[in-house]
PDB file of N, CA and C in Angstrom:
ATOM      1  N   MET A   1     -70.253 -42.646 -60.620  1.00  0.00           N
ATOM      2  CA  MET A   1     -69.545 -43.904 -60.570  1.00  0.00           C
ATOM      3  C   MET A   1     -68.622 -43.994 -61.768  1.00  0.00           C
ATOM      4  N   SER A   2     -67.372 -44.367 -61.522  1.00  0.00           N
ATOM      5  CA  SER A   2     -66.416 -44.483 -62.613  1.00  0.00           C
ATOM      6  C   SER A   2     -66.737 -45.717 -63.447  1.00  0.00           C
ATOM      7  N   SER A   3     -66.242 -45.718 -64.670  1.00  0.00           N
ATOM      8  CA  SER A   3     -66.501 -46.858 -65.545  1.00  0.00           C
ATOM      9  C   SER A   3     -65.857 -48.126 -65.006  1.00  0.00           C
ATOM     10  N   ASP A   4     -64.770 -47.990 -64.213  1.00  0.00           N
ATOM     11  CA  ASP A   4     -64.115 -49.165 -63.636  1.00  0.00           C
ATOM     12  C   ASP A   4     -64.997 -49.856 -62.600  1.00  0.00           C
ATOM     13  N   MET A   5     -65.829 -49.103 -61.917  1.00  0.00           N
ATOM     14  CA  MET A   5     -66.666 -49.664 -60.874  1.00  0.00           C
ATOM     15  C   MET A   5     -68.061 -50.021 -61.371  1.00  0.00           C
ATOM     16  N   ASN A   6     -68.372 -49.755 -62.612  1.00  0.00           N
ATOM     17  CA  ASN A   6     -69.661 -50.061 -63.181  1.00  0.00           C
ATOM     18  C   ASN A   6     -69.818 -51.576 -63.258  1.00  0.00           C
ATOM     19  N   PRO A   7     -70.908 -52.145 -62.659  1.00  0.00           N
ATOM     20  CA  PRO A   7     -71.087 -53.588 -62.671  1.00  0.00           C
ATOM     21  C   PRO A   7     -71.087 -54.185 -64.077  1.00  0.00           C
ATOM     22  N   GLU A   8     -71.489 -53.402 -65.064  1.00  0.00           N
ATOM     23  CA  GLU A   8     -71.509 -53.919 -66.433  1.00  0.00           C
ATOM     24  C   GLU A   8     -70.087 -54.164 -66.954  1.00  0.00           C
ATOM     25  N   HIS A   9     -69.093 -53.496 -66.369  1.00  0.00           N
ATOM     26  CA  HIS A   9     -67.713 -53.637 -66.813  1.00  0.00           C
ATOM     27  C   HIS A   9     -66.871 -54.480 -65.849  1.00  0.00           C
ATOM     28  N   THR A  10     -67.469 -54.953 -64.753  1.00  0.00           N
ATOM     29  CA  THR A  10     -66.749 -55.750 -63.780  1.00  0.00           C
ATOM     30  C   THR A  10     -66.569 -57.166 -64.316  1.00  0.00           C
ATOM     31  N   GLN A  11     -65.331 -57.601 -64.409  1.00  0.00           N
ATOM     32  CA  GLN A  11     -65.063 -58.965 -64.840  1.00  0.00           C
ATOM     33  C   GLN A  11     -65.254 -59.908 -63.667  1.00  0.00           C
ATOM     34  N   THR A  12     -65.917 -61.016 -63.935  1.00  0.00           N
ATOM     35  CA  THR A  12     -66.125 -62.010 -62.898  1.00  0.00           C
ATOM     36  C   THR A  12     -65.564 -63.344 -63.362  1.00  0.00           C
ATOM     37  N   VAL A  13     -65.223 -64.167 -62.388  1.00  0.00           N
ATOM     38  CA  VAL A  13     -64.697 -65.493 -62.680  1.00  0.00           C
ATOM     39  C   VAL A  13     -65.389 -66.516 -61.789  1.00  0.00           C
ATOM     40  N   PHE A  14     -65.509 -67.732 -62.301  1.00  0.00           N
ATOM     41  CA  PHE A  14     -65.957 -68.851 -61.485  1.00  0.00           C
ATOM     42  C   PHE A  14     -64.728 -69.335 -60.729  1.00  0.00           C
ATOM     43  N   VAL A  15     -64.814 -69.382 -59.406  1.00  0.00           N
ATOM     44  CA  VAL A  15     -63.650 -69.735 -58.585  1.00  0.00           C
ATOM     45  C   VAL A  15     -64.031 -70.805 -57.569  1.00  0.00           C
ATOM     46  N   ARG A  16     -63.177 -71.821 -57.497  1.00  0.00           N
ATOM     47  CA  ARG A  16     -63.273 -72.840 -56.451  1.00  0.00           C
ATOM     48  C   ARG A  16     -61.954 -72.853 -55.704  1.00  0.00           C
ATOM     49  N   PHE A  17     -62.033 -72.710 -54.392  1.00  0.00           N
ATOM     50  CA  PHE A  17     -60.853 -72.867 -53.548  1.00  0.00           C
ATOM     51  C   PHE A  17     -60.957 -74.230 -52.870  1.00  0.00           C
ATOM     52  N   LEU A  18     -59.908 -75.024 -52.989  1.00  0.00           N
ATOM     53  CA  LEU A  18     -59.835 -76.340 -52.369  1.00  0.00           C
ATOM     54  C   LEU A  18     -58.769 -76.271 -51.282  1.00  0.00           C
ATOM     55  N   LEU A  19     -59.165 -76.553 -50.056  1.00  0.00           N
ATOM     56  CA  LEU A  19     -58.265 -76.389 -48.924  1.00  0.00           C
ATOM     57  C   LEU A  19     -58.125 -77.678 -48.135  1.00  0.00           C
ATOM     58  N   ASP A  20     -56.934 -77.882 -47.582  1.00  0.00           N
ATOM     59  CA  ASP A  20     -56.685 -78.917 -46.586  1.00  0.00           C
ATOM     60  C   ASP A  20     -56.231 -78.192 -45.331  1.00  0.00           C
ATOM     61  N   ALA A  21     -56.797 -78.593 -44.194  1.00  0.00           N
ATOM     62  CA  ALA A  21     -56.478 -77.895 -42.950  1.00  0.00           C
ATOM     63  C   ALA A  21     -56.553 -78.848 -41.770  1.00  0.00           C
ATOM     64  N   ASP A  22     -55.981 -78.396 -40.649  1.00  0.00           N
ATOM     65  CA  ASP A  22     -56.101 -79.132 -39.399  1.00  0.00           C
ATOM     66  C   ASP A  22     -57.548 -79.044 -38.929  1.00  0.00           C
ATOM     67  N   VAL A  23     -58.029 -80.137 -38.347  1.00  0.00           N
ATOM     68  CA  VAL A  23     -59.385 -80.136 -37.804  1.00  0.00           C
ATOM     69  C   VAL A  23     -59.436 -79.201 -36.607  1.00  0.00           C
ATOM     70  N   SER A  24     -60.399 -78.276 -36.632  1.00  0.00           N
ATOM     71  CA  SER A  24     -60.566 -77.302 -35.554  1.00  0.00           C
ATOM     72  C   SER A  24     -62.020 -76.849 -35.533  1.00  0.00           C
ATOM     73  N   PRO A  25     -62.633 -76.736 -34.332  1.00  0.00           N
ATOM     74  CA  PRO A  25     -64.035 -76.334 -34.262  1.00  0.00           C
ATOM     75  C   PRO A  25     -64.320 -74.964 -34.887  1.00  0.00           C
ATOM     76  N   GLY A  26     -63.367 -74.043 -34.873  1.00  0.00           N
ATOM     77  CA  GLY A  26     -63.604 -72.702 -35.400  1.00  0.00           C
ATOM     78  C   GLY A  26     -63.140 -72.481 -36.826  1.00  0.00           C
ATOM     79  N   LEU A  27     -62.678 -73.544 -37.486  1.00  0.00           N
ATOM     80  CA  LEU A  27     -62.098 -73.380 -38.822  1.00  0.00           C
ATOM     81  C   LEU A  27     -63.098 -72.874 -39.863  1.00  0.00           C
ATOM     82  N   LEU A  28     -64.250 -73.501 -39.979  1.00  0.00           N
ATOM     83  CA  LEU A  28     -65.180 -73.145 -41.052  1.00  0.00           C
ATOM     84  C   LEU A  28     -65.633 -71.682 -40.997  1.00  0.00           C
ATOM     85  N   PRO A  29     -65.995 -71.150 -39.824  1.00  0.00           N
ATOM     86  CA  PRO A  29     -66.340 -69.714 -39.805  1.00  0.00           C
ATOM     87  C   PRO A  29     -65.163 -68.822 -40.183  1.00  0.00           C
ATOM     88  N   ARG A  30     -63.944 -69.209 -39.789  1.00  0.00           N
ATOM     89  CA  ARG A  30     -62.767 -68.403 -40.157  1.00  0.00           C
ATOM     90  C   ARG A  30     -62.543 -68.393 -41.666  1.00  0.00           C
ATOM     91  N   LEU A  31     -62.886 -69.495 -42.336  1.00  0.00           N
ATOM     92  CA  LEU A  31     -62.727 -69.556 -43.790  1.00  0.00           C
ATOM     93  C   LEU A  31     -63.735 -68.674 -44.519  1.00  0.00           C
ATOM     94  N   LEU A  32     -64.857 -68.384 -43.894  1.00  0.00           N
ATOM     95  CA  LEU A  32     -65.874 -67.523 -44.522  1.00  0.00           C
ATOM     96  C   LEU A  32     -65.599 -66.034 -44.313  1.00  0.00           C
ATOM     97  N   GLN A  33     -64.753 -65.679 -43.368  1.00  0.00           N
ATOM     98  CA  GLN A  33     -64.485 -64.268 -43.077  1.00  0.00           C
ATOM     99  C   GLN A  33     -63.957 -63.478 -44.269  1.00  0.00           C
ATOM    100  N   PRO A  34     -63.031 -64.018 -45.083  1.00  0.00           N
ATOM    101  CA  PRO A  34     -62.559 -63.234 -46.231  1.00  0.00           C
ATOM    102  C   PRO A  34     -63.684 -62.871 -47.208  1.00  0.00           C
ATOM    103  N   TYR A  35     -64.701 -63.706 -47.286  1.00  0.00           N
ATOM    104  CA  TYR A  35     -65.858 -63.415 -48.139  1.00  0.00           C
ATOM    105  C   TYR A  35     -66.748 -62.365 -47.479  1.00  0.00           C
ATOM    106  N   ALA A  36     -67.046 -62.573 -46.210  1.00  0.00           N
ATOM    107  CA  ALA A  36     -67.965 -61.690 -45.493  1.00  0.00           C
ATOM    108  C   ALA A  36     -67.456 -60.253 -45.447  1.00  0.00           C
ATOM    109  N   LYS A  37     -66.159 -60.062 -45.238  1.00  0.00           N
ATOM    110  CA  LYS A  37     -65.655 -58.690 -45.139  1.00  0.00           C
ATOM    111  C   LYS A  37     -65.663 -57.966 -46.484  1.00  0.00           C
ATOM    112  N   ARG A  38     -65.873 -58.711 -47.571  1.00  0.00           N
ATOM    113  CA  ARG A  38     -66.006 -58.100 -48.904  1.00  0.00           C
ATOM    114  C   ARG A  38     -67.445 -58.139 -49.393  1.00  0.00           C
ATOM    115  N   ASP A  39     -68.377 -58.464 -48.481  1.00  0.00           N
ATOM    116  CA  ASP A  39     -69.808 -58.532 -48.781  1.00  0.00           C
ATOM    117  C   ASP A  39     -70.102 -59.553 -49.880  1.00  0.00           C
ATOM    118  N   LEU A  40     -69.406 -60.688 -49.838  1.00  0.00           N
ATOM    119  CA  LEU A  40     -69.597 -61.769 -50.796  1.00  0.00           C
ATOM    120  C   LEU A  40     -70.180 -62.984 -50.079  1.00  0.00           C
ATOM    121  N   VAL A  41     -71.013 -63.735 -50.791  1.00  0.00           N
ATOM    122  CA  VAL A  41     -71.585 -64.963 -50.250  1.00  0.00           C
ATOM    123  C   VAL A  41     -71.232 -66.103 -51.204  1.00  0.00           C
ATOM    124  N   PRO A  42     -70.487 -67.093 -50.733  1.00  0.00           N
ATOM    125  CA  PRO A  42     -70.157 -68.226 -51.605  1.00  0.00           C
ATOM    126  C   PRO A  42     -71.421 -68.952 -52.066  1.00  0.00           C
ATOM    127  N   ASP A  43     -71.373 -69.508 -53.266  1.00  0.00           N
ATOM    128  CA  ASP A  43     -72.494 -70.285 -53.778  1.00  0.00           C
ATOM    129  C   ASP A  43     -72.496 -71.701 -53.213  1.00  0.00           C
ATOM    130  N   ARG A  44     -71.320 -72.187 -52.839  1.00  0.00           N
ATOM    131  CA  ARG A  44     -71.230 -73.546 -52.328  1.00  0.00           C
ATOM    132  C   ARG A  44     -70.070 -73.638 -51.352  1.00  0.00           C
ATOM    133  N   MET A  45     -70.317 -74.382 -50.268  1.00  0.00           N
ATOM    134  CA  MET A  45     -69.246 -74.701 -49.325  1.00  0.00           C
ATOM    135  C   MET A  45     -69.455 -76.144 -48.906  1.00  0.00           C
ATOM    136  N   TRP A  46     -68.395 -76.922 -49.006  1.00  0.00           N
ATOM    137  CA  TRP A  46     -68.464 -78.339 -48.699  1.00  0.00           C
ATOM    138  C   TRP A  46     -67.250 -78.694 -47.862  1.00  0.00           C
ATOM    139  N   SER A  47     -67.447 -79.568 -46.885  1.00  0.00           N
ATOM    140  CA  SER A  47     -66.296 -80.015 -46.099  1.00  0.00           C
ATOM    141  C   SER A  47     -66.433 -81.489 -45.771  1.00  0.00           C
ATOM    142  N   HIS A  48     -65.280 -82.121 -45.575  1.00  0.00           N
ATOM    143  CA  HIS A  48     -65.230 -83.540 -45.250  1.00  0.00           C
ATOM    144  C   HIS A  48     -64.012 -83.778 -44.373  1.00  0.00           C
ATOM    145  N   ARG A  49     -64.239 -84.444 -43.258  1.00  0.00           N
ATOM    146  CA  ARG A  49     -63.138 -84.747 -42.340  1.00  0.00           C
ATOM    147  C   ARG A  49     -62.566 -86.125 -42.655  1.00  0.00           C
ATOM    148  N   SER A  50     -61.251 -86.203 -42.654  1.00  0.00           N
ATOM    149  CA  SER A  50     -60.550 -87.463 -42.864  1.00  0.00           C
ATOM    150  C   SER A  50     -59.403 -87.513 -41.858  1.00  0.00           C
ATOM    151  N   GLY A  51     -59.633 -88.177 -40.746  1.00  0.00           N
ATOM    152  CA  GLY A  51     -58.623 -88.243 -39.683  1.00  0.00           C
ATOM    153  C   GLY A  51     -58.380 -86.878 -39.072  1.00  0.00           C
ATOM    154  N   ASP A  52     -57.116 -86.432 -39.097  1.00  0.00           N
ATOM    155  CA  ASP A  52     -56.782 -85.129 -38.516  1.00  0.00           C
ATOM    156  C   ASP A  52     -56.785 -84.010 -39.551  1.00  0.00           C
ATOM    157  N   THR A  53     -57.337 -84.288 -40.747  1.00  0.00           N
ATOM    158  CA  THR A  53     -57.403 -83.293 -41.827  1.00  0.00           C
ATOM    159  C   THR A  53     -58.853 -83.055 -42.224  1.00  0.00           C
ATOM    160  N   ILE A  54     -59.164 -81.805 -42.506  1.00  0.00           N
ATOM    161  CA  ILE A  54     -60.473 -81.474 -43.067  1.00  0.00           C
ATOM    162  C   ILE A  54     -60.239 -80.913 -44.465  1.00  0.00           C
ATOM    163  N   HIS A  55     -61.001 -81.422 -45.410  1.00  0.00           N
ATOM    164  CA  HIS A  55     -60.934 -80.971 -46.799  1.00  0.00           C
ATOM    165  C   HIS A  55     -62.135 -80.057 -47.020  1.00  0.00           C
ATOM    166  N   VAL A  56     -61.896 -78.870 -47.565  1.00  0.00           N
ATOM    167  CA  VAL A  56     -62.956 -77.879 -47.743  1.00  0.00           C
ATOM    168  C   VAL A  56     -62.927 -77.361 -49.175  1.00  0.00           C
ATOM    169  N   GLU A  57     -64.120 -77.198 -49.743  1.00  0.00           N
ATOM    170  CA  GLU A  57     -64.272 -76.545 -51.040  1.00  0.00           C
ATOM    171  C   GLU A  57     -65.203 -75.357 -50.841  1.00  0.00           C
ATOM    172  N   ILE A  58     -64.783 -74.191 -51.326  1.00  0.00           N
ATOM    173  CA  ILE A  58     -65.621 -72.997 -51.292  1.00  0.00           C
ATOM    174  C   ILE A  58     -65.661 -72.468 -52.717  1.00  0.00           C
ATOM    175  N   ALA A  59     -66.866 -72.303 -53.270  1.00  0.00           N
ATOM    176  CA  ALA A  59     -66.992 -71.903 -54.669  1.00  0.00           C
ATOM    177  C   ALA A  59     -67.934 -70.718 -54.836  1.00  0.00           C
ATOM    178  N   MET A  60     -67.589 -69.882 -55.801  1.00  0.00           N
ATOM    179  CA  MET A  60     -68.450 -68.777 -56.220  1.00  0.00           C
ATOM    180  C   MET A  60     -68.534 -68.810 -57.735  1.00  0.00           C
ATOM    181  N   GLU A  61     -69.746 -68.701 -58.247  1.00  0.00           N
ATOM    182  CA  GLU A  61     -69.940 -68.728 -59.690  1.00  0.00           C
ATOM    183  C   GLU A  61     -69.535 -67.419 -60.352  1.00  0.00           C
ATOM    184  N   ALA A  62     -69.584 -66.322 -59.621  1.00  0.00           N
ATOM    185  CA  ALA A  62     -69.263 -65.021 -60.214  1.00  0.00           C
ATOM    186  C   ALA A  62     -68.573 -64.125 -59.190  1.00  0.00           C
ATOM    187  N   MET A  63     -67.300 -64.386 -58.952  1.00  0.00           N
ATOM    188  CA  MET A  63     -66.523 -63.562 -58.022  1.00  0.00           C
ATOM    189  C   MET A  63     -65.846 -62.447 -58.814  1.00  0.00           C
ATOM    190  N   PRO A  64     -65.907 -61.208 -58.312  1.00  0.00           N
ATOM    191  CA  PRO A  64     -65.191 -60.129 -58.996  1.00  0.00           C
ATOM    192  C   PRO A  64     -63.713 -60.494 -59.125  1.00  0.00           C
ATOM    193  N   ALA A  65     -63.199 -60.419 -60.340  1.00  0.00           N
ATOM    194  CA  ALA A  65     -61.829 -60.859 -60.629  1.00  0.00           C
ATOM    195  C   ALA A  65     -60.790 -60.149 -59.768  1.00  0.00           C
ATOM    196  N   GLU A  66     -61.039 -58.888 -59.440  1.00  0.00           N
ATOM    197  CA  GLU A  66     -60.034 -58.124 -58.705  1.00  0.00           C
ATOM    198  C   GLU A  66     -59.887 -58.544 -57.244  1.00  0.00           C
ATOM    199  N   VAL A  67     -60.805 -59.359 -56.711  1.00  0.00           N
ATOM    200  CA  VAL A  67     -60.684 -59.778 -55.308  1.00  0.00           C
ATOM    201  C   VAL A  67     -60.241 -61.231 -55.151  1.00  0.00           C
ATOM    202  N   VAL A  68     -60.123 -61.962 -56.245  1.00  0.00           N
ATOM    203  CA  VAL A  68     -59.765 -63.383 -56.154  1.00  0.00           C
ATOM    204  C   VAL A  68     -58.442 -63.568 -55.418  1.00  0.00           C
ATOM    205  N   HIS A  69     -57.413 -62.825 -55.808  1.00  0.00           N
ATOM    206  CA  HIS A  69     -56.108 -62.995 -55.159  1.00  0.00           C
ATOM    207  C   HIS A  69     -56.134 -62.541 -53.698  1.00  0.00           C
ATOM    208  N   LEU A  70     -56.985 -61.569 -53.372  1.00  0.00           N
ATOM    209  CA  LEU A  70     -57.093 -61.111 -51.984  1.00  0.00           C
ATOM    210  C   LEU A  70     -57.722 -62.185 -51.103  1.00  0.00           C
ATOM    211  N   VAL A  71     -58.817 -62.775 -51.591  1.00  0.00           N
ATOM    212  CA  VAL A  71     -59.477 -63.844 -50.836  1.00  0.00           C
ATOM    213  C   VAL A  71     -58.527 -65.033 -50.686  1.00  0.00           C
ATOM    214  N   GLU A  72     -57.840 -65.395 -51.757  1.00  0.00           N
ATOM    215  CA  GLU A  72     -56.894 -66.509 -51.690  1.00  0.00           C
ATOM    216  C   GLU A  72     -55.808 -66.240 -50.648  1.00  0.00           C
ATOM    217  N   GLY A  73     -55.276 -65.044 -50.639  1.00  0.00           N
ATOM    218  CA  GLY A  73     -54.252 -64.691 -49.651  1.00  0.00           C
ATOM    219  C   GLY A  73     -54.774 -64.777 -48.235  1.00  0.00           C
ATOM    220  N   ASN A  74     -56.005 -64.303 -48.015  1.00  0.00           N
ATOM    221  CA  ASN A  74     -56.605 -64.387 -46.687  1.00  0.00           C
ATOM    222  C   ASN A  74     -56.829 -65.832 -46.258  1.00  0.00           C
ATOM    223  N   LEU A  75     -57.272 -66.669 -47.193  1.00  0.00           N
ATOM    224  CA  LEU A  75     -57.486 -68.086 -46.866  1.00  0.00           C
ATOM    225  C   LEU A  75     -56.173 -68.756 -46.478  1.00  0.00           C
ATOM    226  N   ARG A  76     -55.088 -68.407 -47.145  1.00  0.00           N
ATOM    227  CA  ARG A  76     -53.779 -68.994 -46.838  1.00  0.00           C
ATOM    228  C   ARG A  76     -53.294 -68.594 -45.441  1.00  0.00           C
ATOM    229  N   GLN A  77     -53.776 -67.470 -44.930  1.00  0.00           N
ATOM    230  CA  GLN A  77     -53.337 -66.979 -43.621  1.00  0.00           C
ATOM    231  C   GLN A  77     -54.159 -67.524 -42.453  1.00  0.00           C
ATOM    232  N   VAL A  78     -55.257 -68.222 -42.747  1.00  0.00           N
ATOM    233  CA  VAL A  78     -56.089 -68.765 -41.670  1.00  0.00           C
ATOM    234  C   VAL A  78     -55.287 -69.824 -40.912  1.00  0.00           C
ATOM    235  N   VAL A  79     -55.282 -69.709 -39.602  1.00  0.00           N
ATOM    236  CA  VAL A  79     -54.547 -70.643 -38.751  1.00  0.00           C
ATOM    237  C   VAL A  79     -55.057 -72.067 -38.986  1.00  0.00           C
ATOM    238  N   GLY A  80     -54.129 -72.975 -39.247  1.00  0.00           N
ATOM    239  CA  GLY A  80     -54.474 -74.376 -39.447  1.00  0.00           C
ATOM    240  C   GLY A  80     -54.552 -74.794 -40.906  1.00  0.00           C
ATOM    241  N   VAL A  81     -54.633 -73.834 -41.821  1.00  0.00           N
ATOM    242  CA  VAL A  81     -54.706 -74.167 -43.238  1.00  0.00           C
ATOM    243  C   VAL A  81     -53.340 -74.655 -43.706  1.00  0.00           C
ATOM    244  N   ARG A  82     -53.320 -75.826 -44.311  1.00  0.00           N
ATOM    245  CA  ARG A  82     -52.071 -76.425 -44.792  1.00  0.00           C
ATOM    246  C   ARG A  82     -51.825 -76.150 -46.266  1.00  0.00           C
ATOM    247  N   ASP A  83     -52.906 -76.209 -47.061  1.00  0.00           N
ATOM    248  CA  ASP A  83     -52.757 -76.075 -48.512  1.00  0.00           C
ATOM    249  C   ASP A  83     -54.005 -75.432 -49.101  1.00  0.00           C
ATOM    250  N   VAL A  84     -53.802 -74.555 -50.087  1.00  0.00           N
ATOM    251  CA  VAL A  84     -54.905 -73.923 -50.809  1.00  0.00           C
ATOM    252  C   VAL A  84     -54.635 -74.064 -52.300  1.00  0.00           C
ATOM    253  N   SER A  85     -55.616 -74.589 -53.023  1.00  0.00           N
ATOM    254  CA  SER A  85     -55.548 -74.658 -54.477  1.00  0.00           C
ATOM    255  C   SER A  85     -56.710 -73.851 -55.036  1.00  0.00           C
ATOM    256  N   ARG A  86     -56.466 -73.215 -56.172  1.00  0.00           N
ATOM    257  CA  ARG A  86     -57.508 -72.393 -56.795  1.00  0.00           C
ATOM    258  C   ARG A  86     -57.791 -72.931 -58.190  1.00  0.00           C
ATOM    259  N   VAL A  87     -59.072 -73.071 -58.496  1.00  0.00           N
ATOM    260  CA  VAL A  87     -59.528 -73.421 -59.842  1.00  0.00           C
ATOM    261  C   VAL A  87     -60.418 -72.278 -60.290  1.00  0.00           C
ATOM    262  N   ALA A  88     -60.053 -71.628 -61.394  1.00  0.00           N
ATOM    263  CA  ALA A  88     -60.821 -70.468 -61.854  1.00  0.00           C
ATOM    264  C   ALA A  88     -60.993 -70.526 -63.359  1.00  0.00           C
ATOM    265  N   LYS A  89     -62.128 -69.985 -63.816  1.00  0.00           N
ATOM    266  CA  LYS A  89     -62.368 -69.845 -65.251  1.00  0.00           C
ATOM    267  C   LYS A  89     -63.244 -68.625 -65.467  1.00  0.00           C
ATOM    268  N   PRO A  90     -63.170 -67.997 -66.643  1.00  0.00           N
ATOM    269  CA  PRO A  90     -63.995 -66.823 -66.928  1.00  0.00           C
ATOM    270  C   PRO A  90     -65.478 -67.143 -66.784  1.00  0.00           C
ATOM    271  N   CYS A  91     -66.231 -66.113 -66.455  1.00  0.00           N
ATOM    272  CA  CYS A  91     -67.648 -66.268 -66.201  1.00  0.00           C
ATOM    273  C   CYS A  91     -68.421 -65.243 -67.017  1.00  0.00           C
ATOM    274  N   LEU A  92     -69.596 -65.633 -67.462  1.00  0.00           N
ATOM    275  CA  LEU A  92     -70.439 -64.702 -68.221  1.00  0.00           C
ATOM    276  C   LEU A  92     -71.489 -64.044 -67.350  1.00  0.00           C
ATOM    277  N   ARG A  93     -71.737 -64.594 -66.155  1.00  0.00           N
ATOM    278  CA  ARG A  93     -72.766 -64.056 -65.253  1.00  0.00           C
ATOM    279  C   ARG A  93     -72.331 -62.714 -64.713  1.00  0.00           C
ATOM    280  N   GLN A  94     -73.252 -61.767 -64.620  1.00  0.00           N
ATOM    281  CA  GLN A  94     -72.959 -60.439 -64.076  1.00  0.00           C
ATOM    282  C   GLN A  94     -73.035 -60.459 -62.549  1.00  0.00           C
ATOM    283  N   VAL A  95     -72.290 -59.586 -61.926  1.00  0.00           N
ATOM    284  CA  VAL A  95     -72.336 -59.425 -60.481  1.00  0.00           C
ATOM    285  C   VAL A  95     -73.676 -58.798 -60.118  1.00  0.00           C
ATOM    286  N   ALA A  96     -74.351 -59.363 -59.125  1.00  0.00           N
ATOM    287  CA  ALA A  96     -75.660 -58.841 -58.716  1.00  0.00           C
ATOM    288  C   ALA A  96     -75.499 -57.652 -57.805  1.00  0.00           C
TER     289      ALA A  96
END
């Protein structure tokens, strides 16, 4: 294993994605796909419907830094997503 892939050297960040999207029965599973295909499990997912908009928060306490922009890009491409905001800060927790 190269030193770049060593979990001890993997930088992680606390990341929260805040999304606004059109209400759709299949939206929430589609939002989890970018995580699942990278073998990641969010620590928290919250949603709230307000009229024809659903507000969603998906958070991970220790996401590998190199995949944050990939997940964000995938979330922006989900059909019905209107807006994506990212809140991130460095994390001390190691990737399990």
